[in-house]
Protein backbone atom coordinates (compact mmCIF):
# COMPACT_ATOMS: atom_id res chain seq x y z
CA UNK A 1 -47.11 -45.65 -181.62
CA UNK A 2 -43.90 -44.66 -179.84
CA UNK A 3 -41.03 -42.37 -179.23
CA UNK A 4 -38.08 -42.05 -176.95
CA UNK A 5 -36.66 -39.45 -174.83
CA UNK A 6 -33.11 -39.50 -173.19
CA UNK A 7 -33.24 -37.22 -169.91
CA UNK A 8 -31.31 -36.41 -167.09
CA UNK A 9 -32.51 -36.66 -163.68
CA UNK A 10 -32.06 -34.34 -160.85
CA UNK A 11 -30.50 -35.25 -157.47
CA UNK A 12 -32.85 -37.24 -154.58
CA UNK A 13 -33.37 -33.75 -152.82
CA UNK A 14 -34.25 -31.81 -156.14
CA UNK A 15 -36.74 -34.16 -156.68
CA UNK A 16 -38.35 -35.05 -153.34
CA UNK A 17 -39.03 -30.72 -153.45
CA UNK A 18 -40.26 -31.20 -157.19
CA UNK A 19 -42.89 -34.18 -156.40
CA UNK A 20 -44.12 -32.01 -153.42
CA UNK A 21 -44.83 -29.03 -155.42
CA UNK A 22 -46.27 -31.51 -158.26
CA UNK A 23 -48.73 -32.54 -155.30
CA UNK A 24 -49.85 -29.09 -153.94
CA UNK A 25 -50.57 -28.05 -157.52
CA UNK A 26 -52.83 -31.02 -157.81
CA UNK A 27 -54.42 -30.99 -154.42
CA UNK A 28 -55.22 -27.21 -155.16
CA UNK A 29 -56.62 -28.73 -158.72
CA UNK A 30 -54.27 -26.35 -160.97
CA UNK A 31 -52.31 -29.16 -162.61
CA UNK A 32 -52.15 -32.95 -162.02
CA UNK A 33 -49.05 -33.15 -164.72
CA UNK A 34 -46.72 -34.40 -161.81
CA UNK A 35 -49.26 -37.09 -160.28
CA UNK A 36 -51.06 -38.39 -163.93
CA UNK A 37 -48.85 -40.77 -164.58
CA UNK A 38 -47.41 -43.23 -162.12
CA UNK A 39 -43.55 -43.17 -161.53
CA UNK A 40 -43.05 -39.90 -163.34
CA UNK A 41 -39.92 -38.13 -162.26
CA UNK A 42 -38.74 -34.63 -162.78
CA UNK A 43 -36.19 -34.48 -165.48
CA UNK A 44 -34.35 -32.59 -167.96
CA UNK A 45 -34.74 -34.07 -171.38
CA UNK A 46 -31.40 -34.37 -173.53
CA UNK A 47 -32.72 -35.65 -176.73
CA UNK A 48 -35.48 -37.39 -178.22
CA UNK A 49 -35.77 -39.81 -181.01
CA UNK A 50 -38.85 -41.13 -183.30
CA UNK A 51 -37.33 -44.24 -183.78
CA UNK A 52 -34.75 -46.13 -182.12
CA UNK A 53 -32.63 -49.65 -182.31
CA UNK A 54 -33.11 -49.64 -178.48
CA UNK A 55 -30.66 -52.32 -177.85
CA UNK A 56 -27.60 -50.69 -179.24
CA UNK A 57 -28.70 -47.36 -178.10
CA UNK A 58 -28.39 -48.67 -174.64
CA UNK A 59 -25.24 -50.57 -175.32
CA UNK A 60 -23.48 -47.41 -176.25
CA UNK A 61 -25.35 -45.28 -173.66
CA UNK A 62 -23.92 -48.09 -170.84
CA UNK A 63 -20.59 -47.16 -172.10
CA UNK A 64 -20.30 -44.01 -172.89
CA UNK A 65 -22.00 -42.89 -169.35
CA UNK A 66 -19.82 -45.21 -167.72
CA UNK A 67 -17.55 -42.27 -166.47
CA UNK A 68 -19.29 -39.23 -166.94
CA UNK A 69 -19.84 -36.94 -163.71
CA UNK A 70 -23.12 -35.07 -162.11
CA UNK A 71 -23.33 -32.00 -163.84
CA UNK A 72 -24.00 -29.03 -161.11
CA UNK A 73 -27.06 -27.02 -161.66
CA UNK A 74 -28.77 -24.02 -160.63
CA UNK A 75 -32.87 -23.85 -161.58
CA UNK A 76 -33.38 -20.07 -161.42
CA UNK A 77 -35.94 -19.27 -163.98
CA UNK A 78 -39.35 -19.34 -164.41
CA UNK A 79 -41.18 -19.55 -167.75
CA UNK A 80 -43.52 -20.76 -170.12
CA UNK A 81 -43.22 -22.05 -173.49
CA UNK A 82 -45.39 -20.12 -175.57
CA UNK A 83 -48.68 -21.47 -177.16
CA UNK A 84 -47.81 -24.54 -175.24
CA UNK A 85 -49.64 -24.18 -171.84
CA UNK A 86 -46.69 -25.50 -170.30
CA UNK A 87 -44.88 -24.10 -167.30
CA UNK A 88 -41.32 -24.94 -166.53
CA UNK A 89 -38.20 -23.69 -164.24
CA UNK A 90 -34.85 -23.75 -166.27
CA UNK A 91 -31.24 -23.96 -165.06
CA UNK A 92 -28.65 -21.81 -165.91
CA UNK A 93 -26.52 -22.51 -169.18
CA UNK A 94 -23.45 -23.62 -167.49
CA UNK A 95 -20.40 -24.73 -169.84
CA UNK A 96 -20.65 -28.20 -168.01
CA UNK A 97 -24.64 -28.27 -168.92
CA UNK A 98 -23.82 -27.44 -172.48
CA UNK A 99 -20.41 -29.85 -172.71
CA UNK A 100 -22.82 -32.75 -171.16
CA UNK A 101 -25.45 -31.97 -173.44
CA UNK A 102 -23.38 -31.74 -176.90
CA UNK A 103 -21.12 -34.27 -176.24
CA UNK A 104 -24.38 -36.85 -175.67
CA UNK A 105 -25.25 -35.21 -179.30
CA UNK A 106 -22.03 -35.93 -180.86
CA UNK A 107 -21.64 -39.22 -179.88
CA UNK A 108 -25.41 -40.21 -180.51
CA UNK A 109 -25.15 -38.43 -184.01
CA UNK A 110 -26.36 -41.54 -186.04
CA UNK A 111 -29.49 -41.88 -183.99
CA UNK A 112 -30.50 -38.32 -184.55
CA UNK A 113 -32.86 -38.54 -187.27
CA UNK A 114 -35.25 -35.53 -186.59
CA UNK A 115 -33.58 -32.35 -187.60
CA UNK A 116 -36.49 -30.47 -186.35
CA UNK A 117 -35.96 -31.73 -182.74
CA UNK A 118 -36.22 -28.90 -180.02
CA UNK A 119 -33.34 -30.82 -177.99
CA UNK A 120 -30.61 -30.44 -180.64
CA UNK A 121 -27.73 -28.28 -180.00
CA UNK A 122 -28.48 -24.90 -180.84
CA UNK A 123 -32.06 -25.09 -180.30
CA UNK A 124 -32.15 -27.12 -176.81
CA UNK A 125 -34.05 -25.15 -174.17
CA UNK A 126 -33.15 -27.04 -171.12
CA UNK A 127 -35.68 -27.16 -168.50
CA UNK A 128 -37.88 -29.06 -165.87
CA UNK A 129 -41.68 -28.97 -166.71
CA UNK A 130 -43.87 -27.85 -163.34
CA UNK A 131 -47.33 -28.21 -165.20
CA UNK A 132 -48.54 -28.94 -168.94
CA UNK A 133 -51.54 -28.61 -171.07
CA UNK A 134 -52.53 -25.26 -168.93
CA UNK A 135 -55.51 -23.25 -169.97
CA UNK A 136 -54.81 -19.50 -169.42
CA UNK A 137 -56.92 -19.38 -165.91
CA UNK A 138 -54.83 -22.36 -164.62
CA UNK A 139 -51.65 -20.93 -165.83
CA UNK A 140 -51.95 -17.93 -164.13
CA UNK A 141 -52.82 -19.85 -161.17
CA UNK A 142 -49.59 -22.22 -161.70
CA UNK A 143 -47.58 -19.40 -162.27
CA UNK A 144 -48.65 -17.21 -159.14
CA UNK A 145 -48.63 -20.40 -156.86
CA UNK A 146 -44.61 -20.72 -157.93
CA UNK A 147 -43.82 -17.48 -157.71
CA UNK A 148 -44.91 -17.37 -154.21
CA UNK A 149 -43.82 -20.74 -153.02
CA UNK A 150 -40.35 -21.80 -154.72
CA UNK A 151 -37.04 -20.56 -154.80
CA UNK A 152 -33.77 -20.88 -157.00
CA UNK A 153 -32.88 -24.57 -156.56
CA UNK A 154 -29.26 -25.83 -156.53
CA UNK A 155 -29.01 -29.08 -157.37
CA UNK A 156 -27.56 -31.83 -159.90
CA UNK A 157 -28.25 -33.69 -162.66
CA UNK A 158 -27.59 -37.27 -161.12
CA UNK A 159 -28.49 -40.00 -163.10
CA UNK A 160 -29.99 -40.43 -166.70
CA UNK A 161 -32.51 -42.92 -168.37
CA UNK A 162 -33.83 -43.60 -171.78
CA UNK A 163 -37.58 -43.33 -171.67
CA UNK A 164 -39.84 -45.09 -174.09
CA UNK A 165 -43.19 -43.32 -174.65
CA UNK A 166 -46.13 -44.70 -175.87
CA UNK A 167 -48.51 -42.09 -177.52
CA UNK A 168 -52.17 -42.41 -178.00
CA UNK A 169 -53.73 -41.02 -181.73
CA UNK A 170 -53.50 -37.38 -180.46
CA UNK A 171 -49.72 -37.16 -179.82
CA UNK A 172 -50.37 -37.68 -175.95
CA UNK A 173 -48.37 -39.98 -173.88
CA UNK A 174 -50.39 -42.33 -172.15
CA UNK A 175 -47.69 -44.66 -171.01
CA UNK A 176 -43.86 -44.09 -170.08
CA UNK A 177 -41.47 -46.80 -169.55
CA UNK A 178 -37.74 -46.31 -168.17
CA UNK A 179 -35.75 -48.83 -170.66
CA UNK A 180 -32.59 -47.99 -169.36
CA UNK A 181 -31.10 -45.91 -166.48
CA UNK A 182 -27.55 -45.46 -164.79
CA UNK A 183 -26.40 -42.94 -162.21
CA UNK A 184 -23.54 -40.43 -162.84
CA UNK A 185 -20.56 -40.45 -160.81
């Protein structure tokens, strides 16, 4: 089974810092989220799609994002999605970020078939995942580690990508493939 996510990638320096955090959490046997899938990059998900005419979407995305500018981010919240075992950092909801998100959904609305998606305008909680599928003890360890070792992060959303996700029968991602990416201006 395949699904698709459209993501915003972080600038190089911010990405390097996230990878270091993921490596530290893995080396301390707290979470292997950031290192369990080859090529995984820290990102903020903009949209998700259950089914997709990939070629048409890519053609439109290439044109739509041709002149889009980078978006300044301040990641200043450490949080947990209730009942998921997911620890994340979240950006301030700036007008610039919200406009970037809503303009994507306005332009690509014909592709939005999942009305219950958490990534639709009005439902979106932008975040960058630090760890996922944590039990209670690992969540406490991960939260404590991050509270002590990360500060407010100033960076940019510097690129976008469409990622094809291959899921197992339990809905867990077993492979992800970037099928389109573009740097922002």
